[in-house]
């Protein structure tokens, strides 16, 4: 009799534990924590994506970051479920440098990097010895220098990898421009101390600048769009698919057209509009 009672108690205990585990796993799938830089991408999530996910029963929280390092560390360590701040060129280099295996899943509407100035209005205003601030991370420094090269203001070594060119690759600087790489988040503040500054779209908009105020805007390729980034093992998880579905929805396209004018659209939005 004692053995029978012990057996029944054990079975009931396992059943309760199993039920609790199932409930916990189910709840986990409905809670998503996303890291993003403060400004347009956290706003994009808050205003355009979360309302869609909430209709599907998801609860989403946003963790805001002000640098380009911690969002990937937090994702890799499992503190957040996804992040939204980087292009896939940057992520590829970050994975290599930090021995990570994070995945750039799909692009989102992106505020492009652009050249701004408080003192000047056109490239014709660039004069001998002027100071030009750039982001100091390798990917965005390279984008800035490539834009200067496209403007015909500098030449870079033809053998240099265009995705990581730096000041040492400059072989000709017609106006002896002073290139000043600084923390990307500080580039908007540098406008008072420099003649021109290359500013990433998220930091430009977060600081109150407008895309239409830029002196020049990058013709952004798909590689330099901002991507939703995930851990490799989570790419096919239900929460990841729900997030992707929200970004690919007609509802989010309408949001993009109303609230993200001037942003570079990912190909799936371009195709969706073409097929309407």
C-alpha atoms as a PDB file:
ATOM      1  CA  UNK A   1       0.000   0.000   0.000  1.00  0.00           C
ATOM      2  CA  UNK A   2       2.822   2.394   0.942  1.00  0.00           C
ATOM      3  CA  UNK A   3       4.586   1.589  -2.298  1.00  0.00           C
ATOM      4  CA  UNK A   4       1.423   2.261  -4.274  1.00  0.00           C
ATOM      5  CA  UNK A   5       0.894   5.642  -2.582  1.00  0.00           C
ATOM      6  CA  UNK A   6       4.533   6.556  -3.170  1.00  0.00           C
ATOM      7  CA  UNK A   7       4.207   5.623  -6.841  1.00  0.00           C
ATOM      8  CA  UNK A   8       1.023   7.705  -7.261  1.00  0.00           C
ATOM      9  CA  UNK A   9       2.630  10.676  -5.486  1.00  0.00           C
ATOM     10  CA  UNK A  10       5.665  10.462  -7.772  1.00  0.00           C
ATOM     11  CA  UNK A  11       3.495  10.334 -10.909  1.00  0.00           C
ATOM     12  CA  UNK A  12       1.434  13.330  -9.742  1.00  0.00           C
ATOM     13  CA  UNK A  13       4.605  15.294  -8.949  1.00  0.00           C
ATOM     14  CA  UNK A  14       6.023  14.642 -12.393  1.00  0.00           C
ATOM     15  CA  UNK A  15       2.709  15.638 -13.976  1.00  0.00           C
ATOM     16  CA  UNK A  16       2.614  18.936 -12.053  1.00  0.00           C
ATOM     17  CA  UNK A  17       6.236  19.714 -12.893  1.00  0.00           C
ATOM     18  CA  UNK A  18       5.616  18.898 -16.533  1.00  0.00           C
ATOM     19  CA  UNK A  19       2.536  21.115 -16.641  1.00  0.00           C
ATOM     20  CA  UNK A  20       4.443  23.984 -15.040  1.00  0.00           C
ATOM     21  CA  UNK A  21       7.274  23.545 -17.514  1.00  0.00           C
ATOM     22  CA  UNK A  22       4.874  23.618 -20.443  1.00  0.00           C
ATOM     23  CA  UNK A  23       3.158  26.748 -19.157  1.00  0.00           C
ATOM     24  CA  UNK A  24       6.486  28.449 -18.591  1.00  0.00           C
ATOM     25  CA  UNK A  25       7.730  27.619 -22.091  1.00  0.00           C
ATOM     26  CA  UNK A  26       4.445  28.806 -23.572  1.00  0.00           C
ATOM     27  CA  UNK A  27       4.681  32.119 -21.708  1.00  0.00           C
ATOM     28  CA  UNK A  28       8.288  32.584 -22.788  1.00  0.00           C
ATOM     29  CA  UNK A  29       7.289  32.376 -26.444  1.00  0.00           C
ATOM     30  CA  UNK A  30       4.832  35.232 -25.977  1.00  0.00           C
ATOM     31  CA  UNK A  31       7.306  37.642 -24.353  1.00  0.00           C
ATOM     32  CA  UNK A  32       9.926  39.328 -26.559  1.00  0.00           C
ATOM     33  CA  UNK A  33      12.675  41.699 -25.442  1.00  0.00           C
ATOM     34  CA  UNK A  34      14.292  43.717 -28.229  1.00  0.00           C
ATOM     35  CA  UNK A  35      17.352  45.950 -27.969  1.00  0.00           C
ATOM     36  CA  UNK A  36      17.582  49.064 -30.144  1.00  0.00           C
ATOM     37  CA  UNK A  37      19.431  52.351 -30.257  1.00  0.00           C
ATOM     38  CA  UNK A  38      17.359  55.253 -28.962  1.00  0.00           C
ATOM     39  CA  UNK A  39      15.629  57.191 -31.724  1.00  0.00           C
ATOM     40  CA  UNK A  40      14.077  56.044 -35.000  1.00  0.00           C
ATOM     41  CA  UNK A  41      14.495  52.287 -34.558  1.00  0.00           C
ATOM     42  CA  UNK A  42      13.110  52.100 -31.037  1.00  0.00           C
ATOM     43  CA  UNK A  43      10.302  54.408 -32.249  1.00  0.00           C
ATOM     44  CA  UNK A  44       9.748  52.119 -35.235  1.00  0.00           C
ATOM     45  CA  UNK A  45       9.310  49.179 -32.887  1.00  0.00           C
ATOM     46  CA  UNK A  46       7.146  51.065 -30.411  1.00  0.00           C
ATOM     47  CA  UNK A  47       4.815  52.692 -32.940  1.00  0.00           C
ATOM     48  CA  UNK A  48       4.845  50.341 -35.920  1.00  0.00           C
ATOM     49  CA  UNK A  49       5.653  46.819 -34.763  1.00  0.00           C
ATOM     50  CA  UNK A  50       4.511  46.325 -31.168  1.00  0.00           C
ATOM     51  CA  UNK A  51       0.841  47.133 -31.947  1.00  0.00           C
ATOM     52  CA  UNK A  52       0.873  44.360 -34.581  1.00  0.00           C
ATOM     53  CA  UNK A  53       2.521  41.827 -32.268  1.00  0.00           C
ATOM     54  CA  UNK A  54       0.158  42.660 -29.416  1.00  0.00           C
ATOM     55  CA  UNK A  55      -2.782  41.681 -31.627  1.00  0.00           C
ATOM     56  CA  UNK A  56      -1.161  38.233 -31.870  1.00  0.00           C
ATOM     57  CA  UNK A  57      -0.878  37.984 -28.094  1.00  0.00           C
ATOM     58  CA  UNK A  58       2.772  38.980 -27.702  1.00  0.00           C
ATOM     59  CA  UNK A  59       4.138  41.234 -25.006  1.00  0.00           C
ATOM     60  CA  UNK A  60       7.155  43.216 -26.215  1.00  0.00           C
ATOM     61  CA  UNK A  61       9.606  45.314 -24.237  1.00  0.00           C
ATOM     62  CA  UNK A  62      12.342  47.540 -25.668  1.00  0.00           C
ATOM     63  CA  UNK A  63      15.782  48.009 -24.139  1.00  0.00           C
ATOM     64  CA  UNK A  64      17.467  51.149 -25.473  1.00  0.00           C
ATOM     65  CA  UNK A  65      21.234  51.356 -25.997  1.00  0.00           C
ATOM     66  CA  UNK A  66      23.429  54.342 -26.888  1.00  0.00           C
ATOM     67  CA  UNK A  67      26.385  52.464 -28.374  1.00  0.00           C
ATOM     68  CA  UNK A  68      27.117  49.801 -30.990  1.00  0.00           C
ATOM     69  CA  UNK A  69      28.775  47.228 -28.708  1.00  0.00           C
ATOM     70  CA  UNK A  70      26.416  46.358 -25.855  1.00  0.00           C
ATOM     71  CA  UNK A  71      23.361  45.396 -27.967  1.00  0.00           C
ATOM     72  CA  UNK A  72      25.269  42.461 -29.489  1.00  0.00           C
ATOM     73  CA  UNK A  73      26.784  41.401 -26.183  1.00  0.00           C
ATOM     74  CA  UNK A  74      23.339  41.474 -24.562  1.00  0.00           C
ATOM     75  CA  UNK A  75      21.896  39.411 -27.422  1.00  0.00           C
ATOM     76  CA  UNK A  76      24.704  36.864 -27.385  1.00  0.00           C
ATOM     77  CA  UNK A  77      24.355  36.443 -23.614  1.00  0.00           C
ATOM     78  CA  UNK A  78      20.596  35.953 -23.825  1.00  0.00           C
ATOM     79  CA  UNK A  79      19.620  39.154 -22.035  1.00  0.00           C
ATOM     80  CA  UNK A  80      17.511  40.203 -25.044  1.00  0.00           C
ATOM     81  CA  UNK A  81      15.849  38.179 -27.819  1.00  0.00           C
ATOM     82  CA  UNK A  82      16.714  40.366 -30.822  1.00  0.00           C
ATOM     83  CA  UNK A  83      18.331  43.690 -31.608  1.00  0.00           C
ATOM     84  CA  UNK A  84      17.830  46.427 -34.156  1.00  0.00           C
ATOM     85  CA  UNK A  85      20.670  48.864 -34.794  1.00  0.00           C
ATOM     86  CA  UNK A  86      23.247  47.508 -37.248  1.00  0.00           C
ATOM     87  CA  UNK A  87      23.938  46.697 -40.878  1.00  0.00           C
ATOM     88  CA  UNK A  88      25.204  43.294 -41.926  1.00  0.00           C
ATOM     89  CA  UNK A  89      28.700  44.525 -42.830  1.00  0.00           C
ATOM     90  CA  UNK A  90      29.151  45.735 -39.252  1.00  0.00           C
ATOM     91  CA  UNK A  91      27.659  42.525 -37.837  1.00  0.00           C
ATOM     92  CA  UNK A  92      29.929  40.346 -39.956  1.00  0.00           C
ATOM     93  CA  UNK A  93      33.008  42.098 -38.604  1.00  0.00           C
ATOM     94  CA  UNK A  94      31.638  42.080 -35.042  1.00  0.00           C
ATOM     95  CA  UNK A  95      30.978  38.330 -35.189  1.00  0.00           C
ATOM     96  CA  UNK A  96      34.522  37.784 -36.422  1.00  0.00           C
ATOM     97  CA  UNK A  97      36.124  40.037 -33.802  1.00  0.00           C
ATOM     98  CA  UNK A  98      34.105  38.656 -30.873  1.00  0.00           C
ATOM     99  CA  UNK A  99      33.718  35.008 -31.925  1.00  0.00           C
ATOM    100  CA  UNK A 100      29.924  35.273 -32.097  1.00  0.00           C
ATOM    101  CA  UNK A 101      27.409  33.716 -34.468  1.00  0.00           C
ATOM    102  CA  UNK A 102      24.605  36.280 -34.548  1.00  0.00           C
ATOM    103  CA  UNK A 103      22.418  36.386 -37.665  1.00  0.00           C
ATOM    104  CA  UNK A 104      21.241  39.416 -39.664  1.00  0.00           C
ATOM    105  CA  UNK A 105      17.757  38.113 -40.384  1.00  0.00           C
ATOM    106  CA  UNK A 106      16.093  40.769 -42.594  1.00  0.00           C
ATOM    107  CA  UNK A 107      16.365  44.484 -43.290  1.00  0.00           C
ATOM    108  CA  UNK A 108      14.031  47.211 -42.030  1.00  0.00           C
ATOM    109  CA  UNK A 109      13.297  50.755 -43.282  1.00  0.00           C
ATOM    110  CA  UNK A 110      16.543  52.614 -42.677  1.00  0.00           C
ATOM    111  CA  UNK A 111      17.435  56.239 -42.057  1.00  0.00           C
ATOM    112  CA  UNK A 112      20.565  56.667 -44.227  1.00  0.00           C
ATOM    113  CA  UNK A 113      23.929  58.034 -43.149  1.00  0.00           C
ATOM    114  CA  UNK A 114      24.308  61.590 -44.424  1.00  0.00           C
ATOM    115  CA  UNK A 115      26.580  64.634 -44.416  1.00  0.00           C
ATOM    116  CA  UNK A 116      25.332  67.529 -42.269  1.00  0.00           C
ATOM    117  CA  UNK A 117      26.557  71.020 -41.422  1.00  0.00           C
ATOM    118  CA  UNK A 118      25.404  73.924 -39.271  1.00  0.00           C
ATOM    119  CA  UNK A 119      27.595  76.380 -41.162  1.00  0.00           C
ATOM    120  CA  UNK A 120      27.421  75.315 -44.818  1.00  0.00           C
ATOM    121  CA  UNK A 121      24.784  74.280 -47.329  1.00  0.00           C
ATOM    122  CA  UNK A 122      26.486  72.545 -50.275  1.00  0.00           C
ATOM    123  CA  UNK A 123      29.637  70.601 -51.109  1.00  0.00           C
ATOM    124  CA  UNK A 124      30.857  73.704 -52.926  1.00  0.00           C
ATOM    125  CA  UNK A 125      31.322  75.295 -49.496  1.00  0.00           C
ATOM    126  CA  UNK A 126      34.082  72.807 -48.643  1.00  0.00           C
ATOM    127  CA  UNK A 127      37.379  74.706 -48.515  1.00  0.00           C
ATOM    128  CA  UNK A 128      41.048  73.963 -47.863  1.00  0.00           C
ATOM    129  CA  UNK A 129      41.742  72.503 -44.427  1.00  0.00           C
ATOM    130  CA  UNK A 130      38.137  72.213 -43.243  1.00  0.00           C
ATOM    131  CA  UNK A 131      37.279  69.619 -40.579  1.00  0.00           C
ATOM    132  CA  UNK A 132      34.947  66.723 -41.353  1.00  0.00           C
ATOM    133  CA  UNK A 133      33.765  64.494 -38.495  1.00  0.00           C
ATOM    134  CA  UNK A 134      32.974  60.838 -39.167  1.00  0.00           C
ATOM    135  CA  UNK A 135      31.805  57.905 -37.025  1.00  0.00           C
ATOM    136  CA  UNK A 136      34.848  56.073 -35.672  1.00  0.00           C
ATOM    137  CA  UNK A 137      33.568  52.510 -36.007  1.00  0.00           C
ATOM    138  CA  UNK A 138      35.246  50.838 -39.014  1.00  0.00           C
ATOM    139  CA  UNK A 139      32.083  50.223 -41.050  1.00  0.00           C
ATOM    140  CA  UNK A 140      30.659  53.736 -40.854  1.00  0.00           C
ATOM    141  CA  UNK A 141      34.066  55.393 -41.155  1.00  0.00           C
ATOM    142  CA  UNK A 142      34.474  53.464 -44.418  1.00  0.00           C
ATOM    143  CA  UNK A 143      31.047  54.596 -45.631  1.00  0.00           C
ATOM    144  CA  UNK A 144      31.955  58.215 -44.892  1.00  0.00           C
ATOM    145  CA  UNK A 145      35.287  58.003 -46.708  1.00  0.00           C
ATOM    146  CA  UNK A 146      33.665  56.259 -49.673  1.00  0.00           C
ATOM    147  CA  UNK A 147      31.185  59.128 -49.912  1.00  0.00           C
ATOM    148  CA  UNK A 148      34.027  61.671 -49.873  1.00  0.00           C
ATOM    149  CA  UNK A 149      35.695  59.648 -52.626  1.00  0.00           C
ATOM    150  CA  UNK A 150      32.440  59.608 -54.624  1.00  0.00           C
ATOM    151  CA  UNK A 151      32.319  63.402 -54.276  1.00  0.00           C
ATOM    152  CA  UNK A 152      35.818  63.556 -55.805  1.00  0.00           C
ATOM    153  CA  UNK A 153      37.313  65.106 -52.662  1.00  0.00           C
ATOM    154  CA  UNK A 154      39.659  62.247 -51.755  1.00  0.00           C
ATOM    155  CA  UNK A 155      41.069  59.113 -53.365  1.00  0.00           C
ATOM    156  CA  UNK A 156      41.562  55.852 -51.519  1.00  0.00           C
ATOM    157  CA  UNK A 157      43.909  52.991 -52.276  1.00  0.00           C
ATOM    158  CA  UNK A 158      42.364  50.856 -55.018  1.00  0.00           C
ATOM    159  CA  UNK A 159      43.601  47.707 -53.286  1.00  0.00           C
ATOM    160  CA  UNK A 160      41.848  48.556 -50.003  1.00  0.00           C
ATOM    161  CA  UNK A 161      38.695  46.695 -48.988  1.00  0.00           C
ATOM    162  CA  UNK A 162      35.942  49.320 -49.507  1.00  0.00           C
ATOM    163  CA  UNK A 163      33.994  48.029 -46.499  1.00  0.00           C
ATOM    164  CA  UNK A 164      36.802  48.844 -44.049  1.00  0.00           C
ATOM    165  CA  UNK A 165      38.815  51.683 -45.622  1.00  0.00           C
ATOM    166  CA  UNK A 166      40.287  54.096 -43.076  1.00  0.00           C
ATOM    167  CA  UNK A 167      42.364  57.292 -43.029  1.00  0.00           C
ATOM    168  CA  UNK A 168      45.535  55.288 -43.751  1.00  0.00           C
ATOM    169  CA  UNK A 169      44.035  54.251 -47.105  1.00  0.00           C
ATOM    170  CA  UNK A 170      43.658  57.851 -48.310  1.00  0.00           C
ATOM    171  CA  UNK A 171      46.187  58.427 -51.109  1.00  0.00           C
ATOM    172  CA  UNK A 172      44.970  61.851 -52.193  1.00  0.00           C
ATOM    173  CA  UNK A 173      43.223  64.598 -50.219  1.00  0.00           C
ATOM    174  CA  UNK A 174      42.738  67.535 -52.593  1.00  0.00           C
ATOM    175  CA  UNK A 175      41.618  70.053 -49.971  1.00  0.00           C
ATOM    176  CA  UNK A 176      43.717  68.669 -47.106  1.00  0.00           C
ATOM    177  CA  UNK A 177      40.511  67.992 -45.231  1.00  0.00           C
ATOM    178  CA  UNK A 178      40.960  67.127 -41.567  1.00  0.00           C
ATOM    179  CA  UNK A 179      39.145  63.825 -41.054  1.00  0.00           C
ATOM    180  CA  UNK A 180      38.017  63.530 -37.432  1.00  0.00           C
ATOM    181  CA  UNK A 181      36.657  60.078 -36.442  1.00  0.00           C
ATOM    182  CA  UNK A 182      34.599  60.239 -33.228  1.00  0.00           C
ATOM    183  CA  UNK A 183      32.074  58.137 -31.332  1.00  0.00           C
ATOM    184  CA  UNK A 184      29.015  57.757 -33.619  1.00  0.00           C
ATOM    185  CA  UNK A 185      26.657  58.950 -30.877  1.00  0.00           C
ATOM    186  CA  UNK A 186      28.643  62.190 -30.562  1.00  0.00           C
ATOM    187  CA  UNK A 187      28.600  63.139 -34.257  1.00  0.00           C
ATOM    188  CA  UNK A 188      25.480  65.355 -33.981  1.00  0.00           C
ATOM    189  CA  UNK A 189      27.109  67.333 -31.158  1.00  0.00           C
ATOM    190  CA  UNK A 190      30.237  67.795 -33.244  1.00  0.00           C
ATOM    191  CA  UNK A 191      28.418  70.072 -35.694  1.00  0.00           C
ATOM    192  CA  UNK A 192      29.224  73.113 -33.567  1.00  0.00           C
ATOM    193  CA  UNK A 193      32.957  72.357 -33.644  1.00  0.00           C
ATOM    194  CA  UNK A 194      33.406  71.039 -37.179  1.00  0.00           C
ATOM    195  CA  UNK A 195      32.569  72.222 -40.674  1.00  0.00           C
ATOM    196  CA  UNK A 196      30.762  69.058 -41.734  1.00  0.00           C
ATOM    197  CA  UNK A 197      29.869  65.748 -40.074  1.00  0.00           C
ATOM    198  CA  UNK A 198      28.765  62.354 -41.349  1.00  0.00           C
ATOM    199  CA  UNK A 199      25.965  61.235 -39.041  1.00  0.00           C
ATOM    200  CA  UNK A 200      24.164  57.894 -38.957  1.00  0.00           C
ATOM    201  CA  UNK A 201      20.436  58.253 -39.531  1.00  0.00           C
ATOM    202  CA  UNK A 202      19.402  57.025 -36.090  1.00  0.00           C
ATOM    203  CA  UNK A 203      21.622  59.511 -34.262  1.00  0.00           C
ATOM    204  CA  UNK A 204      20.709  62.340 -36.640  1.00  0.00           C
ATOM    205  CA  UNK A 205      16.971  61.903 -36.125  1.00  0.00           C
ATOM    206  CA  UNK A 206      17.322  61.292 -32.383  1.00  0.00           C
ATOM    207  CA  UNK A 207      19.134  64.631 -32.072  1.00  0.00           C
ATOM    208  CA  UNK A 208      16.409  66.525 -33.920  1.00  0.00           C
ATOM    209  CA  UNK A 209      18.056  66.733 -37.346  1.00  0.00           C
ATOM    210  CA  UNK A 210      15.922  66.035 -40.404  1.00  0.00           C
ATOM    211  CA  UNK A 211      16.943  64.007 -43.435  1.00  0.00           C
ATOM    212  CA  UNK A 212      15.946  66.839 -45.759  1.00  0.00           C
ATOM    213  CA  UNK A 213      18.431  69.122 -43.958  1.00  0.00           C
ATOM    214  CA  UNK A 214      21.393  66.968 -45.002  1.00  0.00           C
ATOM    215  CA  UNK A 215      23.956  68.355 -47.434  1.00  0.00           C
ATOM    216  CA  UNK A 216      24.297  64.918 -49.062  1.00  0.00           C
ATOM    217  CA  UNK A 217      22.651  61.543 -48.391  1.00  0.00           C
ATOM    218  CA  UNK A 218      24.213  58.143 -49.034  1.00  0.00           C
ATOM    219  CA  UNK A 219      22.720  55.963 -51.764  1.00  0.00           C
ATOM    220  CA  UNK A 220      22.319  53.087 -49.332  1.00  0.00           C
ATOM    221  CA  UNK A 221      22.779  49.518 -50.590  1.00  0.00           C
ATOM    222  CA  UNK A 222      21.023  46.501 -49.037  1.00  0.00           C
ATOM    223  CA  UNK A 223      24.224  45.626 -47.151  1.00  0.00           C
ATOM    224  CA  UNK A 224      24.031  48.900 -45.238  1.00  0.00           C
ATOM    225  CA  UNK A 225      20.369  48.768 -44.301  1.00  0.00           C
ATOM    226  CA  UNK A 226      19.592  48.116 -40.638  1.00  0.00           C
ATOM    227  CA  UNK A 227      18.769  44.480 -39.845  1.00  0.00           C
ATOM    228  CA  UNK A 228      16.806  42.639 -37.197  1.00  0.00           C
ATOM    229  CA  UNK A 229      19.499  40.480 -35.618  1.00  0.00           C
ATOM    230  CA  UNK A 230      18.910  37.189 -33.812  1.00  0.00           C
ATOM    231  CA  UNK A 231      20.836  34.378 -32.197  1.00  0.00           C
ATOM    232  CA  UNK A 232      21.329  31.621 -34.765  1.00  0.00           C
ATOM    233  CA  UNK A 233      19.380  29.089 -32.708  1.00  0.00           C
ATOM    234  CA  UNK A 234      16.343  31.406 -32.524  1.00  0.00           C
ATOM    235  CA  UNK A 235      15.890  32.144 -36.240  1.00  0.00           C
ATOM    236  CA  UNK A 236      13.039  29.629 -36.633  1.00  0.00           C
ATOM    237  CA  UNK A 237      11.441  30.202 -33.229  1.00  0.00           C
ATOM    238  CA  UNK A 238       7.759  31.279 -33.244  1.00  0.00           C
ATOM    239  CA  UNK A 239       8.550  34.695 -31.742  1.00  0.00           C
ATOM    240  CA  UNK A 240      11.120  35.350 -34.492  1.00  0.00           C
ATOM    241  CA  UNK A 241       8.643  34.381 -37.203  1.00  0.00           C
ATOM    242  CA  UNK A 242       5.974  36.603 -35.626  1.00  0.00           C
ATOM    243  CA  UNK A 243       8.389  39.539 -35.588  1.00  0.00           C
ATOM    244  CA  UNK A 244       9.286  38.949 -39.242  1.00  0.00           C
ATOM    245  CA  UNK A 245       5.612  38.681 -40.195  1.00  0.00           C
ATOM    246  CA  UNK A 246       4.929  42.043 -38.518  1.00  0.00           C
ATOM    247  CA  UNK A 247       7.721  43.758 -40.461  1.00  0.00           C
ATOM    248  CA  UNK A 248       6.493  42.266 -43.748  1.00  0.00           C
ATOM    249  CA  UNK A 249       2.865  43.248 -43.143  1.00  0.00           C
ATOM    250  CA  UNK A 250       0.721  45.743 -45.064  1.00  0.00           C
ATOM    251  CA  UNK A 251       0.060  47.502 -41.771  1.00  0.00           C
ATOM    252  CA  UNK A 252       3.755  48.188 -41.224  1.00  0.00           C
ATOM    253  CA  UNK A 253       4.187  49.329 -44.831  1.00  0.00           C
ATOM    254  CA  UNK A 254       1.430  51.894 -44.226  1.00  0.00           C
ATOM    255  CA  UNK A 255       3.262  53.015 -41.077  1.00  0.00           C
ATOM    256  CA  UNK A 256       6.509  53.355 -43.050  1.00  0.00           C
ATOM    257  CA  UNK A 257       4.874  55.514 -45.712  1.00  0.00           C
ATOM    258  CA  UNK A 258       3.298  57.809 -43.125  1.00  0.00           C
ATOM    259  CA  UNK A 259       5.979  58.025 -40.435  1.00  0.00           C
ATOM    260  CA  UNK A 260       9.302  57.127 -42.077  1.00  0.00           C
ATOM    261  CA  UNK A 261       9.437  59.350 -45.142  1.00  0.00           C
ATOM    262  CA  UNK A 262      12.910  59.524 -46.637  1.00  0.00           C
ATOM    263  CA  UNK A 263      13.950  56.163 -45.200  1.00  0.00           C
ATOM    264  CA  UNK A 264      15.433  53.558 -47.526  1.00  0.00           C
ATOM    265  CA  UNK A 265      12.949  50.700 -47.827  1.00  0.00           C
ATOM    266  CA  UNK A 266      14.028  47.046 -47.815  1.00  0.00           C
ATOM    267  CA  UNK A 267      13.381  45.042 -50.969  1.00  0.00           C
ATOM    268  CA  UNK A 268      10.350  43.217 -49.566  1.00  0.00           C
ATOM    269  CA  UNK A 269       8.566  46.560 -49.041  1.00  0.00           C
ATOM    270  CA  UNK A 270       9.572  47.793 -52.499  1.00  0.00           C
ATOM    271  CA  UNK A 271       8.150  44.614 -54.054  1.00  0.00           C
ATOM    272  CA  UNK A 272       4.986  44.777 -51.948  1.00  0.00           C
ATOM    273  CA  UNK A 273       4.297  48.311 -53.188  1.00  0.00           C
ATOM    274  CA  UNK A 274       5.011  47.341 -56.794  1.00  0.00           C
ATOM    275  CA  UNK A 275       2.485  44.507 -56.590  1.00  0.00           C
ATOM    276  CA  UNK A 276      -0.322  46.605 -55.112  1.00  0.00           C
END
